[in-house]
Amino acid sequence: MATVTASQVGDITNFYLENFMQDKWADAVRPYQQYITATELFTKRRERDDASERVSFNLKVNEADNTVADSFFKEDTINRVDLGIKGEVKWHFQKTHFSVDNREPAMLSGSKTRILRYLDMMKSDMYDGFFKKNENWLWSLPAAPNDGTAGDPLPLGIPYWIVQSATAAFGFNGQHPTNYSDVGNVSSITYDQWRNGTFTYASMSNADFCKKLSEALDKCDFDAPYPMAGEEVPSRNYGLYSTYKPFQDYQDLLYASNDDIGEDMGRYRGGRPQVGIGKQTFRGVPWCWVPALDKSTSPAYDSNNPVYGINWDTFSLRTYGDIFMRRAKAINLHNAHNTVVEWMDTGYQLCCRNRRSNFVGRAA
């Protein structure tokens, strides 16, 4: 007997609707497997600022060194030193939108023939584009001077605050990013302790990488022996972030170093699905792979295969008042009266108030 498909039976094709899963869709376009802007920065590190010309923060950059030995009846000497300086960065503003025509079916009442509320898909696409753009900016270095004199100021991403160095041994060698003469209006030449930690690694086939990574964690942790009420003393809120190669090479090192793999051949290759794929740990510090650093078409692409050690307690996302992902009321365009546009405005800047509590390693 010949094979007959459903499409060859006229009654089926004429009188049955497709199984279209009404009001549901699956995404097949998002470029990144995970977004640090969404999971860490925009949710946990947001601080509201009042509207002003720029973002500022206070730093102690000098010490008086007034403690001296003393004896009976010895005359006093007085020493006064200016201790503080103000860091400053320009605000960044951005906008996004979606638009529809009032006469589109999605703007009218629904019906039993509707397969999908594509208006919801358009809103979702707006948010996808927003997070994609900001994820790229988070891991990118904006072109200097980024002060509004040569285009709109962009967010000052992680590579601006945590600067790489080609020096092999661990040290505080992260000075100024390319074409910049300061970081946050503070010179790392004048104030050499306003530098982040750095190192390079040859490979993970030996103990070189793990030794330097461990040293970086130890030496970027500064305790306050007598903290005052106004001092911000960061806790050990570290996270490791890298391209995929060092992330995977570390898994190889773990795999080769353990002979109790048992029945799970992937036991030392990242987290369990229930905990999070694309995550692992080093000394208990969570390590995440950052897809934006790997994608060759992304402005965040970095062939140096960096491994960033970020103490999130030293970073904050300062928002321009309440203007953060603020959706305005839909408006009609004056030259196309049936076209309705909804805008979403955001104003913020990323700030690091303690660079030396952060580090970055890169391939030699």
Protein backbone atom coordinates (compact mmCIF):
# COMPACT_ATOMS: atom_id res chain seq x y z
CA MET A 1 0.00 0.00 0.00
CA ALA A 2 1.37 3.46 -0.90
CA THR A 3 2.31 5.88 1.88
CA VAL A 4 -0.21 8.71 2.33
CA THR A 5 0.73 11.82 4.37
CA ALA A 6 -1.66 14.16 6.16
CA SER A 7 -1.07 16.91 3.59
CA GLN A 8 -2.48 14.63 0.91
CA VAL A 9 -5.82 14.24 2.67
CA GLY A 10 -7.98 17.22 1.69
CA ASP A 11 -10.28 17.13 4.72
CA ILE A 12 -7.32 17.40 7.08
CA THR A 13 -5.68 20.33 5.35
CA ASN A 14 -8.94 22.22 4.88
CA PHE A 15 -10.64 21.81 8.25
CA TYR A 16 -7.92 21.54 10.93
CA LEU A 17 -5.73 24.36 12.30
CA GLU A 18 -2.05 23.75 12.93
CA ASN A 19 -0.93 22.86 16.45
CA PHE A 20 0.44 26.35 16.92
CA MET A 21 0.97 26.56 20.74
CA GLN A 22 -1.00 29.76 21.17
CA ASP A 23 0.80 32.73 22.81
CA LYS A 24 4.12 30.89 23.19
CA TRP A 25 7.41 31.25 21.38
CA ALA A 26 11.01 30.05 21.78
CA ASP A 27 14.01 32.30 21.24
CA ALA A 28 16.58 31.42 18.59
CA VAL A 29 18.54 34.66 18.36
CA ARG A 30 20.06 35.62 21.75
CA PRO A 31 23.83 35.63 21.22
CA TYR A 32 25.09 34.95 24.76
CA GLN A 33 24.54 31.99 27.05
CA GLN A 34 24.67 34.21 30.15
CA TYR A 35 24.62 37.93 30.94
CA ILE A 36 26.63 39.25 33.90
CA THR A 37 24.85 42.61 33.56
CA ALA A 38 21.56 40.89 34.35
CA THR A 39 22.69 38.43 37.04
CA GLU A 40 25.18 40.58 38.96
CA LEU A 41 25.39 44.23 37.98
CA PHE A 42 21.94 45.63 37.22
CA THR A 43 20.28 43.74 40.05
CA LYS A 44 22.69 43.73 43.01
CA ARG A 45 25.02 46.72 42.51
CA ARG A 46 22.59 49.49 41.68
CA GLU A 47 22.80 52.72 43.70
CA ARG A 48 20.62 55.75 43.03
CA ASP A 49 22.39 59.09 42.60
CA ASP A 50 20.85 62.54 42.41
CA ALA A 51 20.93 64.19 38.99
CA SER A 52 24.20 66.09 38.58
CA GLU A 53 26.83 66.90 35.98
CA ARG A 54 28.95 63.82 36.73
CA VAL A 55 29.41 60.86 39.05
CA SER A 56 31.88 61.34 41.89
CA PHE A 57 33.35 59.24 44.68
CA ASN A 58 35.80 59.89 47.52
CA LEU A 59 39.24 58.29 47.89
CA LYS A 60 41.92 58.41 50.56
CA VAL A 61 45.17 58.48 48.61
CA ASN A 62 47.74 59.82 51.11
CA GLU A 63 48.89 59.04 54.66
CA ALA A 64 50.26 61.41 57.28
CA ASP A 65 52.54 58.82 58.93
CA ASN A 66 52.44 60.73 62.23
CA THR A 67 53.23 57.88 64.63
CA VAL A 68 56.69 58.41 66.21
CA ALA A 69 58.55 57.29 69.31
CA ASP A 70 58.31 59.64 72.32
CA SER A 71 59.92 60.27 75.71
CA PHE A 72 59.34 62.50 78.78
CA PHE A 73 59.14 66.27 78.21
CA LYS A 74 59.96 65.99 74.49
CA GLU A 75 58.61 68.81 72.34
CA ASP A 76 55.76 68.05 69.95
CA THR A 77 55.91 68.43 66.20
CA ILE A 78 52.77 68.75 64.12
CA ASN A 79 52.28 67.39 60.62
CA ARG A 80 49.20 67.86 58.50
CA VAL A 81 48.69 66.15 55.11
CA ASP A 82 45.85 66.40 52.62
CA LEU A 83 44.56 62.85 52.57
CA GLY A 84 41.68 62.76 50.11
CA ILE A 85 40.88 63.23 46.47
CA LYS A 86 37.66 63.06 44.50
CA GLY A 87 37.23 60.60 41.64
CA GLU A 88 34.95 61.66 38.80
CA VAL A 89 33.41 60.13 35.67
CA LYS A 90 30.85 61.36 33.15
CA TRP A 91 27.30 60.01 33.06
CA HIS A 92 26.20 57.66 30.29
CA PHE A 93 22.72 57.81 28.78
CA GLN A 94 21.00 55.42 26.40
CA LYS A 95 17.59 54.79 24.87
CA THR A 96 15.74 51.98 23.14
CA HIS A 97 12.22 51.49 21.83
CA PHE A 98 9.67 49.43 19.95
CA SER A 99 6.92 50.67 17.66
CA VAL A 100 3.59 49.48 16.25
CA ASP A 101 0.76 50.82 14.12
CA ASN A 102 -2.58 51.38 15.83
CA ARG A 103 -4.27 49.44 13.06
CA GLU A 104 -2.26 46.26 13.56
CA PRO A 105 -4.25 43.28 14.85
CA ALA A 106 -2.12 43.16 17.99
CA MET A 107 -3.42 46.60 18.96
CA LEU A 108 -7.04 45.55 18.51
CA SER A 109 -9.02 42.92 20.39
CA GLY A 110 -7.76 39.36 20.26
CA SER A 111 -9.58 36.60 18.44
CA LYS A 112 -9.62 32.83 18.23
CA THR A 113 -7.55 33.05 15.05
CA ARG A 114 -4.68 34.79 16.83
CA ILE A 115 -1.60 32.59 17.01
CA LEU A 116 0.72 34.90 18.96
CA ARG A 117 0.66 38.26 20.70
CA TYR A 118 3.65 39.49 18.72
CA LEU A 119 3.52 42.75 20.69
CA ASP A 120 4.93 40.79 23.64
CA MET A 121 7.63 39.42 21.37
CA MET A 122 8.55 42.98 20.35
CA LYS A 123 8.84 44.05 24.01
CA SER A 124 11.00 40.99 24.72
CA ASP A 125 13.20 41.86 21.75
CA MET A 126 13.67 45.38 23.13
CA TYR A 127 14.94 43.98 26.44
CA ASP A 128 17.14 41.43 24.65
CA GLY A 129 18.78 44.19 22.65
CA PHE A 130 19.21 46.29 25.79
CA PHE A 131 21.02 43.55 27.70
CA LYS A 132 23.12 42.52 24.69
CA LYS A 133 24.38 46.07 24.18
CA ASN A 134 25.09 46.61 27.87
CA GLU A 135 26.83 43.24 28.21
CA ASN A 136 29.14 44.27 25.36
CA TRP A 137 29.79 47.62 27.02
CA LEU A 138 30.46 46.01 30.42
CA TRP A 139 33.39 44.02 29.03
CA SER A 140 34.69 46.71 26.63
CA LEU A 141 37.04 49.68 26.88
CA PRO A 142 35.41 52.81 25.44
CA ALA A 143 37.66 54.87 23.20
CA ALA A 144 39.35 57.76 25.01
CA PRO A 145 38.55 60.39 26.11
CA ASN A 146 34.91 59.22 26.59
CA ASP A 147 33.95 62.56 28.10
CA GLY A 148 31.43 63.78 25.54
CA THR A 149 33.93 65.72 23.40
CA ALA A 150 34.07 62.96 20.76
CA GLY A 151 30.64 61.34 20.83
CA ASP A 152 28.24 60.29 23.54
CA PRO A 153 29.96 58.93 26.70
CA LEU A 154 29.72 55.15 27.01
CA PRO A 155 29.68 53.05 30.19
CA LEU A 156 33.15 52.61 31.65
CA GLY A 157 33.47 48.84 31.43
CA ILE A 158 35.55 46.39 33.46
CA PRO A 159 38.68 46.79 31.21
CA TYR A 160 38.69 50.52 32.04
CA TRP A 161 38.83 49.90 35.79
CA ILE A 162 40.84 46.63 35.80
CA VAL A 163 43.75 47.14 33.42
CA GLN A 164 45.89 44.33 31.98
CA SER A 165 49.69 44.23 32.08
CA ALA A 166 52.32 42.10 30.28
CA THR A 167 54.39 41.66 33.48
CA ALA A 168 54.63 37.95 34.25
CA ALA A 169 54.80 37.98 38.07
CA PHE A 170 51.86 39.10 40.14
CA GLY A 171 52.04 42.75 41.10
CA PHE A 172 50.02 45.95 41.15
CA ASN A 173 50.87 46.93 37.61
CA GLY A 174 47.43 47.83 36.24
CA GLN A 175 47.87 51.55 35.58
CA HIS A 176 45.90 53.38 32.87
CA PRO A 177 43.96 51.83 29.99
CA THR A 178 45.08 52.53 26.42
CA ASN A 179 45.01 56.25 25.50
CA TYR A 180 43.86 57.32 28.98
CA SER A 181 46.00 59.37 31.37
CA ASP A 182 44.02 58.50 34.50
CA VAL A 183 41.28 56.23 35.83
CA GLY A 184 38.27 58.02 37.24
CA ASN A 185 40.18 61.33 37.09
CA VAL A 186 42.82 59.88 39.44
CA SER A 187 46.37 59.27 38.24
CA SER A 188 47.92 55.86 38.90
CA ILE A 189 51.35 57.45 38.35
CA THR A 190 50.87 60.03 41.09
CA TYR A 191 49.06 57.58 43.35
CA ASP A 192 50.63 54.19 42.69
CA GLN A 193 48.27 52.40 45.07
CA TRP A 194 45.39 53.31 42.74
CA ARG A 195 46.40 50.30 40.62
CA ASN A 196 44.87 46.87 40.18
CA GLY A 197 46.68 43.56 40.42
CA THR A 198 47.98 41.80 37.29
CA PHE A 199 49.87 38.71 36.13
CA THR A 200 50.35 36.64 33.01
CA TYR A 201 50.17 32.86 32.64
CA ALA A 202 51.92 30.60 30.14
CA SER A 203 49.52 27.68 30.35
CA MET A 204 47.60 25.56 32.81
CA SER A 205 49.66 22.46 32.14
CA ASN A 206 51.67 23.27 35.25
CA ALA A 207 51.11 24.94 38.60
CA ASP A 208 51.99 28.42 37.26
CA PHE A 209 48.42 29.61 36.69
CA CYS A 210 46.87 28.30 39.91
CA LYS A 211 49.78 29.61 41.96
CA LYS A 212 49.47 33.13 40.56
CA LEU A 213 45.69 33.13 40.77
CA SER A 214 45.87 32.14 44.43
CA GLU A 215 48.52 34.80 45.08
CA ALA A 216 46.29 37.43 43.47
CA LEU A 217 43.39 36.56 45.77
CA ASP A 218 45.66 36.74 48.82
CA LYS A 219 47.38 40.01 47.95
CA CYS A 220 44.28 41.91 46.77
CA ASP A 221 42.56 41.42 50.12
CA PHE A 222 43.33 44.41 52.38
CA ASP A 223 42.07 44.40 55.95
CA ALA A 224 41.30 47.56 57.94
CA PRO A 225 42.88 47.21 61.43
CA TYR A 226 40.65 49.94 62.89
CA PRO A 227 37.80 50.73 60.47
CA MET A 228 36.02 54.03 60.95
CA ALA A 229 32.31 54.47 60.45
CA GLY A 230 32.62 56.23 57.09
CA GLU A 231 35.19 53.90 55.53
CA GLU A 232 34.04 51.39 52.92
CA VAL A 233 35.87 48.17 53.71
CA PRO A 234 35.00 45.60 51.04
CA SER A 235 34.19 42.09 52.08
CA ARG A 236 35.55 39.12 50.13
CA ASN A 237 32.80 39.15 47.56
CA TYR A 238 34.91 37.82 44.69
CA GLY A 239 33.97 36.39 41.34
CA LEU A 240 36.20 35.12 38.53
CA TYR A 241 35.27 35.89 34.91
CA SER A 242 37.08 34.77 31.78
CA THR A 243 36.96 33.68 28.17
CA TYR A 244 36.18 30.04 27.54
CA LYS A 245 39.75 28.78 26.94
CA PRO A 246 41.12 29.31 30.48
CA PHE A 247 37.74 28.24 31.83
CA GLN A 248 38.04 24.92 29.96
CA ASP A 249 41.79 24.52 30.58
CA TYR A 250 41.11 24.73 34.31
CA GLN A 251 38.61 21.89 33.90
CA ASP A 252 41.32 19.82 32.18
CA LEU A 253 43.62 20.50 35.12
CA LEU A 254 40.94 19.43 37.60
CA TYR A 255 40.10 16.34 35.57
CA ALA A 256 43.74 15.23 35.34
CA SER A 257 44.35 15.85 39.04
CA ASN A 258 41.54 13.62 40.28
CA ASP A 259 41.41 9.84 39.98
CA ASP A 260 38.06 9.42 41.78
CA ILE A 261 35.92 10.43 38.81
CA GLY A 262 33.70 7.39 39.18
CA GLU A 263 30.76 7.04 36.86
CA ASP A 264 30.51 10.78 36.04
CA MET A 265 33.14 11.65 33.41
CA GLY A 266 32.10 15.29 33.57
CA ARG A 267 32.43 15.55 37.34
CA TYR A 268 35.17 18.20 37.21
CA ARG A 269 33.93 20.05 34.15
CA GLY A 270 31.82 22.89 35.48
CA GLY A 271 28.74 23.05 37.63
CA ARG A 272 25.79 20.71 37.66
CA PRO A 273 22.77 21.79 35.62
CA GLN A 274 20.82 22.40 38.83
CA VAL A 275 23.57 24.77 40.10
CA GLY A 276 24.47 26.42 36.80
CA ILE A 277 26.19 25.32 33.63
CA GLY A 278 29.10 27.58 32.67
CA LYS A 279 30.21 27.98 36.29
CA GLN A 280 32.93 26.40 38.45
CA THR A 281 34.99 27.36 41.52
CA PHE A 282 38.56 28.14 42.56
CA ARG A 283 39.23 28.32 46.31
CA GLY A 284 35.48 28.54 46.73
CA VAL A 285 35.28 31.61 44.46
CA PRO A 286 32.69 31.20 41.69
CA TRP A 287 34.17 31.29 38.19
CA CYS A 288 31.92 32.21 35.26
CA TRP A 289 32.58 32.06 31.55
CA VAL A 290 31.76 35.36 29.79
CA PRO A 291 30.53 34.67 26.24
CA ALA A 292 30.85 38.36 25.24
CA LEU A 293 34.65 38.11 25.68
CA ASP A 294 34.78 35.20 23.24
CA LYS A 295 32.54 36.33 20.39
CA SER A 296 34.74 37.67 17.59
CA THR A 297 32.04 40.06 16.36
CA SER A 298 31.57 41.61 19.80
CA PRO A 299 33.41 44.83 20.77
CA ALA A 300 34.24 43.02 24.02
CA TYR A 301 36.24 40.27 22.22
CA ASP A 302 39.62 39.76 23.89
CA SER A 303 42.22 37.44 22.35
CA ASN A 304 44.40 37.77 25.48
CA ASN A 305 42.11 35.26 27.23
CA PRO A 306 41.86 37.32 30.42
CA VAL A 307 40.76 36.02 33.80
CA TYR A 308 39.28 38.85 35.85
CA GLY A 309 39.13 38.71 39.63
CA ILE A 310 36.35 41.13 40.57
CA ASN A 311 35.47 42.08 44.11
CA TRP A 312 31.91 43.21 43.54
CA ASP A 313 31.87 45.07 46.86
CA THR A 314 34.20 47.64 45.26
CA PHE A 315 31.90 48.25 42.28
CA SER A 316 28.60 50.06 42.04
CA LEU A 317 26.23 50.91 39.25
CA ARG A 318 25.29 54.53 39.89
CA THR A 319 21.97 55.48 38.31
CA TYR A 320 20.96 58.97 37.19
CA GLY A 321 18.12 59.47 39.64
CA ASP A 322 15.25 57.13 38.78
CA ILE A 323 16.10 57.02 35.08
CA PHE A 324 17.01 53.36 34.80
CA MET A 325 15.09 51.11 32.42
CA ARG A 326 12.30 53.67 32.70
CA ARG A 327 9.57 53.08 30.13
CA ALA A 328 7.71 56.18 28.97
CA LYS A 329 4.08 56.29 27.96
CA ALA A 330 3.45 55.31 24.36
CA ILE A 331 3.31 58.31 22.04
CA ASN A 332 1.96 58.89 18.54
CA LEU A 333 4.36 60.29 15.96
CA HIS A 334 3.24 63.63 14.58
CA ASN A 335 4.14 62.72 10.99
CA ALA A 336 2.62 59.22 11.16
CA HIS A 337 -0.37 59.55 13.46
CA ASN A 338 -1.14 55.81 13.59
CA THR A 339 2.42 54.89 14.57
CA VAL A 340 2.85 54.39 18.31
CA VAL A 341 6.31 54.33 19.90
CA GLU A 342 7.27 53.35 23.42
CA TRP A 343 10.72 54.43 24.61
CA MET A 344 12.85 53.14 27.46
CA ASP A 345 15.50 55.48 28.91
CA THR A 346 18.48 54.65 31.08
CA GLY A 347 21.21 56.75 32.67
CA TYR A 348 24.05 55.20 34.66
CA GLN A 349 27.78 54.80 35.07
CA LEU A 350 29.92 52.00 36.48
CA CYS A 351 32.29 53.00 39.30
CA CYS A 352 35.08 51.17 41.10
CA ARG A 353 36.07 52.73 44.42
CA ASN A 354 38.94 50.37 45.24
CA ARG A 355 40.92 49.18 42.21
CA ARG A 356 43.63 47.36 44.17
CA SER A 357 41.07 44.87 45.48
CA ASN A 358 40.69 43.63 41.89
CA PHE A 359 43.02 41.87 39.45
CA VAL A 360 43.33 40.42 35.98
CA GLY A 361 45.55 37.69 34.56
CA ARG A 362 46.14 37.28 30.82
CA ALA A 363 47.85 34.79 28.54
CA ALA A 364 51.56 35.48 28.13
